[in-house]
Amino acid sequence: MATEKRNRKQLFVDPKVQGALILRVVLYWVVCVVTITLMLLCWRIVTGPARPFYTHFDDMWFHFGPALVASFLLLPLVVYDIVQMSNRFCGPLFRLRRSVRALARGEHVAPISFRDGDFWPEFAQEFNTLLVQFQRDVPPAPVEPAAEEEPQPAETPVAAAAD
């Protein structure tokens, strides 16, 4: 089964997992900025001349503000990259889950394939092997008729007695 080159139509396929990753990235960024700010503040207090506490913040903003702004501008790129990278494992799990649910409903399921670059390509092969085995062992679900046939009139006891 050849995997064709397919573009990703939707990057955000699992809000629970991908949202948690985005939240984690933003949290790491905030912790990093706060840690660096506190370290720089402590360093300036220890090594600099004695002066009021609040003057350090003005001086720090002048010297290190551009770096903070640059990191803030890079944050959306990092978040986008995390969403794009996480789609490489959330997308395959999304397709597997959809196929398993359809199989549980008794529907016919076509073999699945993952895109180039997705994680766990062997998982699709293993699922397809299991799918072939399952569809061979389980008979297809009965198909309900689309239109009801007219019921045949039952024999009346009078007609049966005349025989």
C-alpha atoms as a PDB file:
ATOM      1  CA  MET A   1       0.000   0.000   0.000  1.00  0.00           C
ATOM      2  CA  ALA A   2       1.664   3.186  -1.153  1.00  0.00           C
ATOM      3  CA  THR A   3       1.328   6.299   0.921  1.00  0.00           C
ATOM      4  CA  GLU A   4       0.559   9.221  -1.320  1.00  0.00           C
ATOM      5  CA  LYS A   5       1.693  12.757  -0.594  1.00  0.00           C
ATOM      6  CA  ARG A   6      -1.248  14.471   1.112  1.00  0.00           C
ATOM      7  CA  ASN A   7      -1.375  17.946   2.548  1.00  0.00           C
ATOM      8  CA  ARG A   8      -2.671  18.498   6.020  1.00  0.00           C
ATOM      9  CA  LYS A   9      -6.053  20.202   5.842  1.00  0.00           C
ATOM     10  CA  GLN A  10      -6.479  20.685   9.558  1.00  0.00           C
ATOM     11  CA  LEU A  11      -3.557  21.047  11.943  1.00  0.00           C
ATOM     12  CA  PHE A  12      -5.545  21.274  15.177  1.00  0.00           C
ATOM     13  CA  VAL A  13      -7.244  17.836  15.253  1.00  0.00           C
ATOM     14  CA  ASP A  14      -7.121  16.960  18.952  1.00  0.00           C
ATOM     15  CA  PRO A  15      -7.844  20.036  21.086  1.00  0.00           C
ATOM     16  CA  LYS A  16      -7.255  18.211  24.353  1.00  0.00           C
ATOM     17  CA  VAL A  17      -3.742  16.977  23.532  1.00  0.00           C
ATOM     18  CA  GLN A  18      -2.619  19.813  21.297  1.00  0.00           C
ATOM     19  CA  GLY A  19      -4.115  22.434  23.617  1.00  0.00           C
ATOM     20  CA  ALA A  20      -2.198  20.934  26.532  1.00  0.00           C
ATOM     21  CA  LEU A  21       1.018  21.126  24.508  1.00  0.00           C
ATOM     22  CA  ILE A  22       0.377  24.781  23.604  1.00  0.00           C
ATOM     23  CA  LEU A  23      -0.373  25.604  27.222  1.00  0.00           C
ATOM     24  CA  ARG A  24       2.836  23.861  28.269  1.00  0.00           C
ATOM     25  CA  VAL A  25       4.931  25.814  25.736  1.00  0.00           C
ATOM     26  CA  VAL A  26       3.464  29.146  26.854  1.00  0.00           C
ATOM     27  CA  LEU A  27       3.973  28.180  30.494  1.00  0.00           C
ATOM     28  CA  TYR A  28       7.618  27.276  29.821  1.00  0.00           C
ATOM     29  CA  TRP A  29       8.097  30.611  28.058  1.00  0.00           C
ATOM     30  CA  VAL A  30       6.612  32.547  31.005  1.00  0.00           C
ATOM     31  CA  VAL A  31       8.708  30.611  33.544  1.00  0.00           C
ATOM     32  CA  CYS A  32      11.824  31.188  31.451  1.00  0.00           C
ATOM     33  CA  VAL A  33      11.202  34.946  31.163  1.00  0.00           C
ATOM     34  CA  VAL A  34      10.450  35.288  34.889  1.00  0.00           C
ATOM     35  CA  THR A  35      13.531  33.232  35.816  1.00  0.00           C
ATOM     36  CA  ILE A  36      15.830  35.244  33.570  1.00  0.00           C
ATOM     37  CA  THR A  37      14.373  38.515  34.867  1.00  0.00           C
ATOM     38  CA  LEU A  38      14.907  37.503  38.489  1.00  0.00           C
ATOM     39  CA  MET A  39      18.426  36.273  37.782  1.00  0.00           C
ATOM     40  CA  LEU A  40      19.326  39.535  36.023  1.00  0.00           C
ATOM     41  CA  LEU A  41      17.763  41.577  38.813  1.00  0.00           C
ATOM     42  CA  CYS A  42      19.687  39.694  41.482  1.00  0.00           C
ATOM     43  CA  TRP A  43      22.902  40.012  39.482  1.00  0.00           C
ATOM     44  CA  ARG A  44      22.447  43.769  39.068  1.00  0.00           C
ATOM     45  CA  ILE A  45      21.680  44.228  42.778  1.00  0.00           C
ATOM     46  CA  VAL A  46      24.715  42.209  43.876  1.00  0.00           C
ATOM     47  CA  THR A  47      27.231  43.635  41.384  1.00  0.00           C
ATOM     48  CA  GLY A  48      25.917  47.176  40.879  1.00  0.00           C
ATOM     49  CA  PRO A  49      26.107  50.263  43.034  1.00  0.00           C
ATOM     50  CA  ALA A  50      23.683  50.722  45.906  1.00  0.00           C
ATOM     51  CA  ARG A  51      20.514  52.401  44.694  1.00  0.00           C
ATOM     52  CA  PRO A  52      16.733  52.137  45.170  1.00  0.00           C
ATOM     53  CA  PHE A  53      15.197  48.807  44.131  1.00  0.00           C
ATOM     54  CA  TYR A  54      12.781  50.203  41.512  1.00  0.00           C
ATOM     55  CA  THR A  55      15.553  51.884  39.497  1.00  0.00           C
ATOM     56  CA  HIS A  56      16.871  48.462  38.516  1.00  0.00           C
ATOM     57  CA  PHE A  57      13.674  47.710  36.570  1.00  0.00           C
ATOM     58  CA  ASP A  58      13.973  50.848  34.426  1.00  0.00           C
ATOM     59  CA  ASP A  59      17.580  50.064  33.674  1.00  0.00           C
ATOM     60  CA  MET A  60      16.810  46.404  32.955  1.00  0.00           C
ATOM     61  CA  TRP A  61      13.990  47.337  30.594  1.00  0.00           C
ATOM     62  CA  PHE A  62      16.342  49.655  28.709  1.00  0.00           C
ATOM     63  CA  HIS A  63      19.032  46.975  28.328  1.00  0.00           C
ATOM     64  CA  PHE A  64      17.000  43.754  28.080  1.00  0.00           C
ATOM     65  CA  GLY A  65      13.562  44.914  26.869  1.00  0.00           C
ATOM     66  CA  PRO A  66      14.354  44.300  23.176  1.00  0.00           C
ATOM     67  CA  ALA A  67      15.266  40.679  23.976  1.00  0.00           C
ATOM     68  CA  LEU A  68      11.939  40.247  25.798  1.00  0.00           C
ATOM     69  CA  VAL A  69      10.029  41.732  22.857  1.00  0.00           C
ATOM     70  CA  ALA A  70      11.931  39.467  20.439  1.00  0.00           C
ATOM     71  CA  SER A  71      11.094  36.384  22.510  1.00  0.00           C
ATOM     72  CA  PHE A  72       7.447  37.484  22.635  1.00  0.00           C
ATOM     73  CA  LEU A  73       7.429  37.823  18.827  1.00  0.00           C
ATOM     74  CA  LEU A  74       8.926  34.337  18.458  1.00  0.00           C
ATOM     75  CA  LEU A  75       6.359  32.722  20.763  1.00  0.00           C
ATOM     76  CA  PRO A  76       3.624  32.418  18.068  1.00  0.00           C
ATOM     77  CA  LEU A  77       6.124  30.721  15.745  1.00  0.00           C
ATOM     78  CA  VAL A  78       7.027  28.224  18.461  1.00  0.00           C
ATOM     79  CA  VAL A  79       3.348  27.563  19.195  1.00  0.00           C
ATOM     80  CA  TYR A  80       2.627  27.039  15.480  1.00  0.00           C
ATOM     81  CA  ASP A  81       5.563  24.644  15.225  1.00  0.00           C
ATOM     82  CA  ILE A  82       4.278  22.683  18.236  1.00  0.00           C
ATOM     83  CA  VAL A  83       0.812  22.401  16.667  1.00  0.00           C
ATOM     84  CA  GLN A  84       2.336  21.307  13.364  1.00  0.00           C
ATOM     85  CA  MET A  85       4.636  18.754  15.014  1.00  0.00           C
ATOM     86  CA  SER A  86       1.894  17.417  17.299  1.00  0.00           C
ATOM     87  CA  ASN A  87      -0.329  16.892  14.259  1.00  0.00           C
ATOM     88  CA  ARG A  88       2.181  14.257  13.177  1.00  0.00           C
ATOM     89  CA  PHE A  89       1.039  12.025  16.056  1.00  0.00           C
ATOM     90  CA  CYS A  90      -2.462  13.384  16.759  1.00  0.00           C
ATOM     91  CA  GLY A  91      -3.496  13.026  13.110  1.00  0.00           C
ATOM     92  CA  PRO A  92      -2.650   9.310  12.875  1.00  0.00           C
ATOM     93  CA  LEU A  93      -4.382   8.614  16.193  1.00  0.00           C
ATOM     94  CA  PHE A  94      -7.411  10.562  14.966  1.00  0.00           C
ATOM     95  CA  ARG A  95      -7.597   8.397  11.810  1.00  0.00           C
ATOM     96  CA  LEU A  96      -7.102   5.199  13.816  1.00  0.00           C
ATOM     97  CA  ARG A  97      -9.817   6.180  16.294  1.00  0.00           C
ATOM     98  CA  ARG A  98     -12.249   7.026  13.469  1.00  0.00           C
ATOM     99  CA  SER A  99     -11.604   3.662  11.791  1.00  0.00           C
ATOM    100  CA  VAL A 100     -11.947   1.694  15.048  1.00  0.00           C
ATOM    101  CA  ARG A 101     -15.257   3.420  15.819  1.00  0.00           C
ATOM    102  CA  ALA A 102     -16.587   2.657  12.331  1.00  0.00           C
ATOM    103  CA  LEU A 103     -15.472  -0.959  12.715  1.00  0.00           C
ATOM    104  CA  ALA A 104     -17.250  -1.175  16.085  1.00  0.00           C
ATOM    105  CA  ARG A 105     -20.462   0.068  14.429  1.00  0.00           C
ATOM    106  CA  GLY A 106     -20.186  -2.795  11.947  1.00  0.00           C
ATOM    107  CA  GLU A 107     -19.339  -0.585   8.985  1.00  0.00           C
ATOM    108  CA  HIS A 108     -16.907  -1.555   6.254  1.00  0.00           C
ATOM    109  CA  VAL A 109     -13.557   0.106   6.902  1.00  0.00           C
ATOM    110  CA  ALA A 110     -10.990   0.718   4.214  1.00  0.00           C
ATOM    111  CA  PRO A 111      -7.310   0.210   5.032  1.00  0.00           C
ATOM    112  CA  ILE A 112      -5.682   3.343   6.410  1.00  0.00           C
ATOM    113  CA  SER A 113      -2.427   5.024   5.524  1.00  0.00           C
ATOM    114  CA  PHE A 114      -0.592   7.852   7.184  1.00  0.00           C
ATOM    115  CA  ARG A 115       0.976  10.829   5.476  1.00  0.00           C
ATOM    116  CA  ASP A 116       4.675  11.178   4.822  1.00  0.00           C
ATOM    117  CA  GLY A 117       6.313  12.468   7.980  1.00  0.00           C
ATOM    118  CA  ASP A 118       3.660  11.143  10.371  1.00  0.00           C
ATOM    119  CA  PHE A 119       4.834   9.236  13.409  1.00  0.00           C
ATOM    120  CA  TRP A 120       4.148   5.498  13.800  1.00  0.00           C
ATOM    121  CA  PRO A 121       3.698   4.460  10.129  1.00  0.00           C
ATOM    122  CA  GLU A 122       4.041   0.820  11.206  1.00  0.00           C
ATOM    123  CA  PHE A 123       0.916   1.290  13.354  1.00  0.00           C
ATOM    124  CA  ALA A 124      -1.156   1.737  10.166  1.00  0.00           C
ATOM    125  CA  GLN A 125       0.321  -1.456   8.706  1.00  0.00           C
ATOM    126  CA  GLU A 126      -0.447  -3.391  11.885  1.00  0.00           C
ATOM    127  CA  PHE A 127      -3.998  -2.010  11.975  1.00  0.00           C
ATOM    128  CA  ASN A 128      -4.521  -2.966   8.322  1.00  0.00           C
ATOM    129  CA  THR A 129      -3.317  -6.522   9.028  1.00  0.00           C
ATOM    130  CA  LEU A 130      -5.741  -6.741  11.942  1.00  0.00           C
ATOM    131  CA  LEU A 131      -8.509  -5.232   9.795  1.00  0.00           C
ATOM    132  CA  VAL A 132      -8.085  -7.872   7.082  1.00  0.00           C
ATOM    133  CA  GLN A 133      -8.182 -10.641   9.691  1.00  0.00           C
ATOM    134  CA  PHE A 134     -11.216  -9.135  11.422  1.00  0.00           C
ATOM    135  CA  GLN A 135     -13.203  -8.562   8.233  1.00  0.00           C
ATOM    136  CA  ARG A 136     -12.429 -12.095   7.061  1.00  0.00           C
ATOM    137  CA  ASP A 137     -13.606 -13.672  10.350  1.00  0.00           C
ATOM    138  CA  VAL A 138     -16.668 -11.509  11.009  1.00  0.00           C
ATOM    139  CA  PRO A 139     -19.508 -11.776   8.509  1.00  0.00           C
ATOM    140  CA  PRO A 140     -20.858  -8.470   7.252  1.00  0.00           C
ATOM    141  CA  ALA A 141     -23.788  -6.994   9.147  1.00  0.00           C
ATOM    142  CA  PRO A 142     -27.168  -7.654   7.532  1.00  0.00           C
ATOM    143  CA  VAL A 143     -28.304  -4.834   5.308  1.00  0.00           C
ATOM    144  CA  GLU A 144     -31.795  -3.548   6.034  1.00  0.00           C
ATOM    145  CA  PRO A 145     -34.048  -3.316   2.982  1.00  0.00           C
ATOM    146  CA  ALA A 146     -34.470   0.179   1.628  1.00  0.00           C
ATOM    147  CA  ALA A 147     -38.197  -0.120   0.892  1.00  0.00           C
ATOM    148  CA  GLU A 148     -40.714  -2.233   2.753  1.00  0.00           C
ATOM    149  CA  GLU A 149     -42.346  -4.976   0.712  1.00  0.00           C
ATOM    150  CA  GLU A 150     -46.136  -5.160   0.812  1.00  0.00           C
ATOM    151  CA  PRO A 151     -47.251  -7.843   3.235  1.00  0.00           C
ATOM    152  CA  GLN A 152     -48.929 -10.861   1.709  1.00  0.00           C
ATOM    153  CA  PRO A 153     -52.548 -11.293   2.795  1.00  0.00           C
ATOM    154  CA  ALA A 154     -52.871 -14.110   5.273  1.00  0.00           C
ATOM    155  CA  GLU A 155     -55.199 -16.995   4.505  1.00  0.00           C
ATOM    156  CA  THR A 156     -58.514 -16.589   6.125  1.00  0.00           C
ATOM    157  CA  PRO A 157     -59.939 -19.518   8.036  1.00  0.00           C
ATOM    158  CA  VAL A 158     -62.897 -19.618   5.621  1.00  0.00           C
ATOM    159  CA  ALA A 159     -60.620 -20.052   2.595  1.00  0.00           C
ATOM    160  CA  ALA A 160     -58.609 -22.703   4.376  1.00  0.00           C
ATOM    161  CA  ALA A 161     -61.787 -24.597   5.346  1.00  0.00           C
ATOM    162  CA  ALA A 162     -63.067 -24.563   1.742  1.00  0.00           C
ATOM    163  CA  ASP A 163     -60.119 -26.676   0.625  1.00  0.00           C
END
